[in-house]
Amino acid sequence: MGAGRASLAWLERAGVAAGCQTIELDSAVTRSDAHRFYARVGLSVSAFHFSRPLAADYGRTQNERD
């Protein structure tokens, strides 16, 4: 068993013992090998996570910025 499978097996045992019902994880869009691994071990894409950094002046009017 590789490190990825071993880690997920441990996580699943710990989750069941703690009364959890779901394993959820975030993975960078660029990690296509990891995505294939997650699919092979039975995880599925259930959501997309969107983000963007905010500028220091986000939401301020032009007058407030000047």
PDB file of N, CA and C in Angstrom:
ATOM      1  N   MET A   1       0.863  -1.179   0.000  1.00  0.00           N
ATOM      2  CA  MET A   1       0.000   0.000   0.000  1.00  0.00           C
ATOM      3  C   MET A   1       0.900   1.230   0.000  1.00  0.00           C
ATOM      4  N   GLY A   2       0.629   2.147  -0.920  1.00  0.00           N
ATOM      5  CA  GLY A   2       1.410   3.376  -0.994  1.00  0.00           C
ATOM      6  C   GLY A   2       1.027   4.367   0.095  1.00  0.00           C
ATOM      7  N   ALA A   3       1.786   5.450   0.137  1.00  0.00           N
ATOM      8  CA  ALA A   3       1.563   6.468   1.168  1.00  0.00           C
ATOM      9  C   ALA A   3       0.178   7.106   1.054  1.00  0.00           C
ATOM     10  N   GLY A   4      -0.279   7.361  -0.176  1.00  0.00           N
ATOM     11  CA  GLY A   4      -1.598   7.975  -0.354  1.00  0.00           C
ATOM     12  C   GLY A   4      -2.720   7.079   0.139  1.00  0.00           C
ATOM     13  N   ARG A   5      -2.679   5.821  -0.260  1.00  0.00           N
ATOM     14  CA  ARG A   5      -3.712   4.868   0.183  1.00  0.00           C
ATOM     15  C   ARG A   5      -3.647   4.657   1.692  1.00  0.00           C
ATOM     16  N   ALA A   6      -2.432   4.567   2.231  1.00  0.00           N
ATOM     17  CA  ALA A   6      -2.281   4.384   3.680  1.00  0.00           C
ATOM     18  C   ALA A   6      -2.834   5.591   4.433  1.00  0.00           C
ATOM     19  N   SER A   7      -2.553   6.779   3.936  1.00  0.00           N
ATOM     20  CA  SER A   7      -3.058   7.992   4.594  1.00  0.00           C
ATOM     21  C   SER A   7      -4.581   8.034   4.576  1.00  0.00           C
ATOM     22  N   LEU A   8      -5.159   7.717   3.416  1.00  0.00           N
ATOM     23  CA  LEU A   8      -6.625   7.718   3.328  1.00  0.00           C
ATOM     24  C   LEU A   8      -7.244   6.629   4.194  1.00  0.00           C
ATOM     25  N   ALA A   9      -6.606   5.458   4.264  1.00  0.00           N
ATOM     26  CA  ALA A   9      -7.123   4.384   5.116  1.00  0.00           C
ATOM     27  C   ALA A   9      -7.118   4.819   6.579  1.00  0.00           C
ATOM     28  N   TRP A  10      -6.022   5.442   7.002  1.00  0.00           N
ATOM     29  CA  TRP A  10      -5.954   5.938   8.386  1.00  0.00           C
ATOM     30  C   TRP A  10      -7.024   6.995   8.623  1.00  0.00           C
ATOM     31  N   LEU A  11      -7.161   7.923   7.669  1.00  0.00           N
ATOM     32  CA  LEU A  11      -8.144   8.993   7.801  1.00  0.00           C
ATOM     33  C   LEU A  11      -9.556   8.428   7.897  1.00  0.00           C
ATOM     34  N   GLU A  12      -9.835   7.413   7.093  1.00  0.00           N
ATOM     35  CA  GLU A  12     -11.167   6.808   7.139  1.00  0.00           C
ATOM     36  C   GLU A  12     -11.418   6.123   8.484  1.00  0.00           C
ATOM     37  N   ARG A  13     -10.450   5.374   8.989  1.00  0.00           N
ATOM     38  CA  ARG A  13     -10.617   4.732  10.302  1.00  0.00           C
ATOM     39  C   ARG A  13     -10.821   5.774  11.396  1.00  0.00           C
ATOM     40  N   ALA A  14     -10.014   6.828  11.373  1.00  0.00           N
ATOM     41  CA  ALA A  14     -10.132   7.887  12.384  1.00  0.00           C
ATOM     42  C   ALA A  14     -11.477   8.593  12.265  1.00  0.00           C
ATOM     43  N   GLY A  15     -11.932   8.824  11.043  1.00  0.00           N
ATOM     44  CA  GLY A  15     -13.218   9.480  10.840  1.00  0.00           C
ATOM     45  C   GLY A  15     -14.380   8.655  11.353  1.00  0.00           C
ATOM     46  N   VAL A  16     -14.366   7.366  11.042  1.00  0.00           N
ATOM     47  CA  VAL A  16     -15.429   6.474  11.530  1.00  0.00           C
ATOM     48  C   VAL A  16     -15.415   6.451  13.051  1.00  0.00           C
ATOM     49  N   ALA A  17     -14.237   6.333  13.642  1.00  0.00           N
ATOM     50  CA  ALA A  17     -14.124   6.293  15.109  1.00  0.00           C
ATOM     51  C   ALA A  17     -14.632   7.583  15.743  1.00  0.00           C
ATOM     52  N   ALA A  18     -14.491   8.700  15.042  1.00  0.00           N
ATOM     53  CA  ALA A  18     -14.930   9.991  15.567  1.00  0.00           C
ATOM     54  C   ALA A  18     -16.389  10.293  15.234  1.00  0.00           C
ATOM     55  N   GLY A  19     -17.049   9.385  14.518  1.00  0.00           N
ATOM     56  CA  GLY A  19     -18.456   9.592  14.175  1.00  0.00           C
ATOM     57  C   GLY A  19     -18.677  10.443  12.944  1.00  0.00           C
ATOM     58  N   CYS A  20     -17.638  10.648  12.158  1.00  0.00           N
ATOM     59  CA  CYS A  20     -17.776  11.440  10.917  1.00  0.00           C
ATOM     60  C   CYS A  20     -18.478  10.611   9.854  1.00  0.00           C
ATOM     61  N   GLN A  21     -19.091  11.295   8.910  1.00  0.00           N
ATOM     62  CA  GLN A  21     -19.816  10.608   7.849  1.00  0.00           C
ATOM     63  C   GLN A  21     -19.192  10.816   6.473  1.00  0.00           C
ATOM     64  N   THR A  22     -18.289  11.779   6.345  1.00  0.00           N
ATOM     65  CA  THR A  22     -17.754  12.142   5.033  1.00  0.00           C
ATOM     66  C   THR A  22     -16.287  12.520   5.142  1.00  0.00           C
ATOM     67  N   ILE A  23     -15.531  12.182   4.110  1.00  0.00           N
ATOM     68  CA  ILE A  23     -14.170  12.701   3.940  1.00  0.00           C
ATOM     69  C   ILE A  23     -14.248  13.789   2.876  1.00  0.00           C
ATOM     70  N   GLU A  24     -13.717  14.941   3.174  1.00  0.00           N
ATOM     71  CA  GLU A  24     -13.671  16.035   2.208  1.00  0.00           C
ATOM     72  C   GLU A  24     -12.245  16.560   2.140  1.00  0.00           C
ATOM     73  N   LEU A  25     -11.809  16.946   0.951  1.00  0.00           N
ATOM     74  CA  LEU A  25     -10.488  17.542   0.820  1.00  0.00           C
ATOM     75  C   LEU A  25     -10.483  18.548  -0.313  1.00  0.00           C
ATOM     76  N   ASP A  26      -9.545  19.463  -0.255  1.00  0.00           N
ATOM     77  CA  ASP A  26      -9.304  20.423  -1.334  1.00  0.00           C
ATOM     78  C   ASP A  26      -8.024  20.005  -2.032  1.00  0.00           C
ATOM     79  N   SER A  27      -8.006  20.145  -3.335  1.00  0.00           N
ATOM     80  CA  SER A  27      -6.827  19.815  -4.118  1.00  0.00           C
ATOM     81  C   SER A  27      -6.652  20.888  -5.186  1.00  0.00           C
ATOM     82  N   ALA A  28      -5.440  21.362  -5.341  1.00  0.00           N
ATOM     83  CA  ALA A  28      -5.174  22.421  -6.323  1.00  0.00           C
ATOM     84  C   ALA A  28      -5.573  21.963  -7.726  1.00  0.00           C
ATOM     85  N   VAL A  29      -6.086  22.873  -8.507  1.00  0.00           N
ATOM     86  CA  VAL A  29      -6.543  22.583  -9.861  1.00  0.00           C
ATOM     87  C   VAL A  29      -5.432  21.951 -10.699  1.00  0.00           C
ATOM     88  N   THR A  30      -4.210  22.305 -10.447  1.00  0.00           N
ATOM     89  CA  THR A  30      -3.076  21.840 -11.246  1.00  0.00           C
ATOM     90  C   THR A  30      -2.637  20.416 -10.919  1.00  0.00           C
ATOM     91  N   ARG A  31      -3.203  19.790  -9.906  1.00  0.00           N
ATOM     92  CA  ARG A  31      -2.740  18.469  -9.452  1.00  0.00           C
ATOM     93  C   ARG A  31      -3.518  17.330 -10.107  1.00  0.00           C
ATOM     94  N   SER A  32      -3.415  17.218 -11.414  1.00  0.00           N
ATOM     95  CA  SER A  32      -4.203  16.226 -12.155  1.00  0.00           C
ATOM     96  C   SER A  32      -3.866  14.793 -11.749  1.00  0.00           C
ATOM     97  N   ASP A  33      -2.611  14.488 -11.432  1.00  0.00           N
ATOM     98  CA  ASP A  33      -2.271  13.136 -10.971  1.00  0.00           C
ATOM     99  C   ASP A  33      -3.004  12.819  -9.665  1.00  0.00           C
ATOM    100  N   ALA A  34      -3.041  13.777  -8.762  1.00  0.00           N
ATOM    101  CA  ALA A  34      -3.755  13.577  -7.495  1.00  0.00           C
ATOM    102  C   ALA A  34      -5.244  13.382  -7.748  1.00  0.00           C
ATOM    103  N   HIS A  35      -5.806  14.127  -8.680  1.00  0.00           N
ATOM    104  CA  HIS A  35      -7.234  14.002  -8.978  1.00  0.00           C
ATOM    105  C   HIS A  35      -7.549  12.597  -9.490  1.00  0.00           C
ATOM    106  N   ARG A  36      -6.684  12.065 -10.355  1.00  0.00           N
ATOM    107  CA  ARG A  36      -6.894  10.703 -10.844  1.00  0.00           C
ATOM    108  C   ARG A  36      -6.802   9.696  -9.689  1.00  0.00           C
ATOM    109  N   PHE A  37      -5.853   9.895  -8.790  1.00  0.00           N
ATOM    110  CA  PHE A  37      -5.727   9.020  -7.626  1.00  0.00           C
ATOM    111  C   PHE A  37      -6.995   9.065  -6.790  1.00  0.00           C
ATOM    112  N   TYR A  38      -7.486  10.258  -6.491  1.00  0.00           N
ATOM    113  CA  TYR A  38      -8.684  10.386  -5.670  1.00  0.00           C
ATOM    114  C   TYR A  38      -9.869   9.684  -6.321  1.00  0.00           C
ATOM    115  N   ALA A  39      -9.993   9.801  -7.631  1.00  0.00           N
ATOM    116  CA  ALA A  39     -11.083   9.113  -8.334  1.00  0.00           C
ATOM    117  C   ALA A  39     -10.918   7.594  -8.237  1.00  0.00           C
ATOM    118  N   ARG A  40      -9.685   7.104  -8.372  1.00  0.00           N
ATOM    119  CA  ARG A  40      -9.441   5.651  -8.284  1.00  0.00           C
ATOM    120  C   ARG A  40      -9.800   5.085  -6.921  1.00  0.00           C
ATOM    121  N   VAL A  41      -9.635   5.877  -5.866  1.00  0.00           N
ATOM    122  CA  VAL A  41      -9.935   5.372  -4.518  1.00  0.00           C
ATOM    123  C   VAL A  41     -11.359   5.698  -4.076  1.00  0.00           C
ATOM    124  N   GLY A  42     -12.187   6.180  -5.015  1.00  0.00           N
ATOM    125  CA  GLY A  42     -13.609   6.325  -4.730  1.00  0.00           C
ATOM    126  C   GLY A  42     -14.097   7.705  -4.341  1.00  0.00           C
ATOM    127  N   LEU A  43     -13.213   8.711  -4.354  1.00  0.00           N
ATOM    128  CA  LEU A  43     -13.674  10.068  -4.060  1.00  0.00           C
ATOM    129  C   LEU A  43     -14.239  10.687  -5.340  1.00  0.00           C
ATOM    130  N   SER A  44     -15.210  11.539  -5.201  1.00  0.00           N
ATOM    131  CA  SER A  44     -15.801  12.205  -6.362  1.00  0.00           C
ATOM    132  C   SER A  44     -15.820  13.715  -6.136  1.00  0.00           C
ATOM    133  N   VAL A  45     -15.867  14.440  -7.226  1.00  0.00           N
ATOM    134  CA  VAL A  45     -15.947  15.897  -7.158  1.00  0.00           C
ATOM    135  C   VAL A  45     -17.360  16.265  -6.747  1.00  0.00           C
ATOM    136  N   SER A  46     -17.484  16.958  -5.612  1.00  0.00           N
ATOM    137  CA  SER A  46     -18.814  17.328  -5.135  1.00  0.00           C
ATOM    138  C   SER A  46     -19.032  18.834  -5.154  1.00  0.00           C
ATOM    139  N   ALA A  47     -17.972  19.597  -5.409  1.00  0.00           N
ATOM    140  CA  ALA A  47     -18.097  21.062  -5.432  1.00  0.00           C
ATOM    141  C   ALA A  47     -16.857  21.651  -6.093  1.00  0.00           C
ATOM    142  N   PHE A  48     -16.949  22.881  -6.489  1.00  0.00           N
ATOM    143  CA  PHE A  48     -15.795  23.652  -6.929  1.00  0.00           C
ATOM    144  C   PHE A  48     -15.571  24.736  -5.893  1.00  0.00           C
ATOM    145  N   HIS A  49     -14.341  25.015  -5.586  1.00  0.00           N
ATOM    146  CA  HIS A  49     -13.974  26.031  -4.597  1.00  0.00           C
ATOM    147  C   HIS A  49     -13.417  27.223  -5.367  1.00  0.00           C
ATOM    148  N   PHE A  50     -14.052  28.363  -5.282  1.00  0.00           N
ATOM    149  CA  PHE A  50     -13.619  29.562  -5.996  1.00  0.00           C
ATOM    150  C   PHE A  50     -13.018  30.552  -5.011  1.00  0.00           C
ATOM    151  N   SER A  51     -11.983  31.239  -5.440  1.00  0.00           N
ATOM    152  CA  SER A  51     -11.369  32.251  -4.577  1.00  0.00           C
ATOM    153  C   SER A  51     -10.693  33.311  -5.430  1.00  0.00           C
ATOM    154  N   ARG A  52     -10.430  34.428  -4.800  1.00  0.00           N
ATOM    155  CA  ARG A  52      -9.632  35.473  -5.423  1.00  0.00           C
ATOM    156  C   ARG A  52      -9.126  36.377  -4.321  1.00  0.00           C
ATOM    157  N   PRO A  53      -7.892  36.814  -4.440  1.00  0.00           N
ATOM    158  CA  PRO A  53      -7.366  37.738  -3.429  1.00  0.00           C
ATOM    159  C   PRO A  53      -8.057  39.096  -3.556  1.00  0.00           C
ATOM    160  N   LEU A  54      -8.211  39.756  -2.459  1.00  0.00           N
ATOM    161  CA  LEU A  54      -8.819  41.083  -2.451  1.00  0.00           C
ATOM    162  C   LEU A  54      -7.730  42.148  -2.389  1.00  0.00           C
ATOM    163  N   ALA A  55      -7.913  43.181  -3.167  1.00  0.00           N
ATOM    164  CA  ALA A  55      -7.009  44.323  -3.100  1.00  0.00           C
ATOM    165  C   ALA A  55      -7.315  45.088  -1.814  1.00  0.00           C
ATOM    166  N   ALA A  56      -6.348  45.806  -1.321  1.00  0.00           N
ATOM    167  CA  ALA A  56      -6.529  46.558  -0.075  1.00  0.00           C
ATOM    168  C   ALA A  56      -7.677  47.559  -0.192  1.00  0.00           C
ATOM    169  N   ASP A  57      -7.924  48.049  -1.403  1.00  0.00           N
ATOM    170  CA  ASP A  57      -8.977  49.063  -1.577  1.00  0.00           C
ATOM    171  C   ASP A  57     -10.262  48.479  -2.162  1.00  0.00           C
ATOM    172  N   TYR A  58     -10.431  47.171  -2.133  1.00  0.00           N
ATOM    173  CA  TYR A  58     -11.626  46.533  -2.671  1.00  0.00           C
ATOM    174  C   TYR A  58     -12.872  47.083  -1.991  1.00  0.00           C
ATOM    175  N   GLY A  59     -13.843  47.471  -2.782  1.00  0.00           N
ATOM    176  CA  GLY A  59     -15.104  47.960  -2.236  1.00  0.00           C
ATOM    177  C   GLY A  59     -15.129  49.452  -1.946  1.00  0.00           C
ATOM    178  N   ARG A  60     -13.986  50.114  -2.033  1.00  0.00           N
ATOM    179  CA  ARG A  60     -13.941  51.560  -1.777  1.00  0.00           C
ATOM    180  C   ARG A  60     -14.237  52.304  -3.070  1.00  0.00           C
ATOM    181  N   THR A  61     -14.862  53.459  -2.948  1.00  0.00           N
ATOM    182  CA  THR A  61     -15.151  54.271  -4.120  1.00  0.00           C
ATOM    183  C   THR A  61     -13.868  54.932  -4.611  1.00  0.00           C
ATOM    184  N   GLN A  62     -13.904  55.442  -5.823  1.00  0.00           N
ATOM    185  CA  GLN A  62     -12.723  56.123  -6.388  1.00  0.00           C
ATOM    186  C   GLN A  62     -12.279  57.274  -5.499  1.00  0.00           C
ATOM    187  N   ASN A  63     -13.256  58.045  -4.955  1.00  0.00           N
ATOM    188  CA  ASN A  63     -12.910  59.163  -4.078  1.00  0.00           C
ATOM    189  C   ASN A  63     -12.213  58.687  -2.807  1.00  0.00           C
ATOM    190  N   GLU A  64     -12.651  57.556  -2.270  1.00  0.00           N
ATOM    191  CA  GLU A  64     -12.038  57.015  -1.072  1.00  0.00           C
ATOM    192  C   GLU A  64     -10.615  56.516  -1.348  1.00  0.00           C
ATOM    193  N   ARG A  65     -10.351  56.055  -2.581  1.00  0.00           N
ATOM    194  CA  ARG A  65      -9.020  55.558  -2.951  1.00  0.00           C
ATOM    195  C   ARG A  65      -8.024  56.684  -3.142  1.00  0.00           C
ATOM    196  N   ASP A  66      -8.508  57.834  -3.567  1.00  0.00           N
ATOM    197  CA  ASP A  66      -7.605  58.954  -3.891  1.00  0.00           C
ATOM    198  C   ASP A  66      -7.138  59.713  -2.683  1.00  0.00           C
TER     199      ASP A  66
END
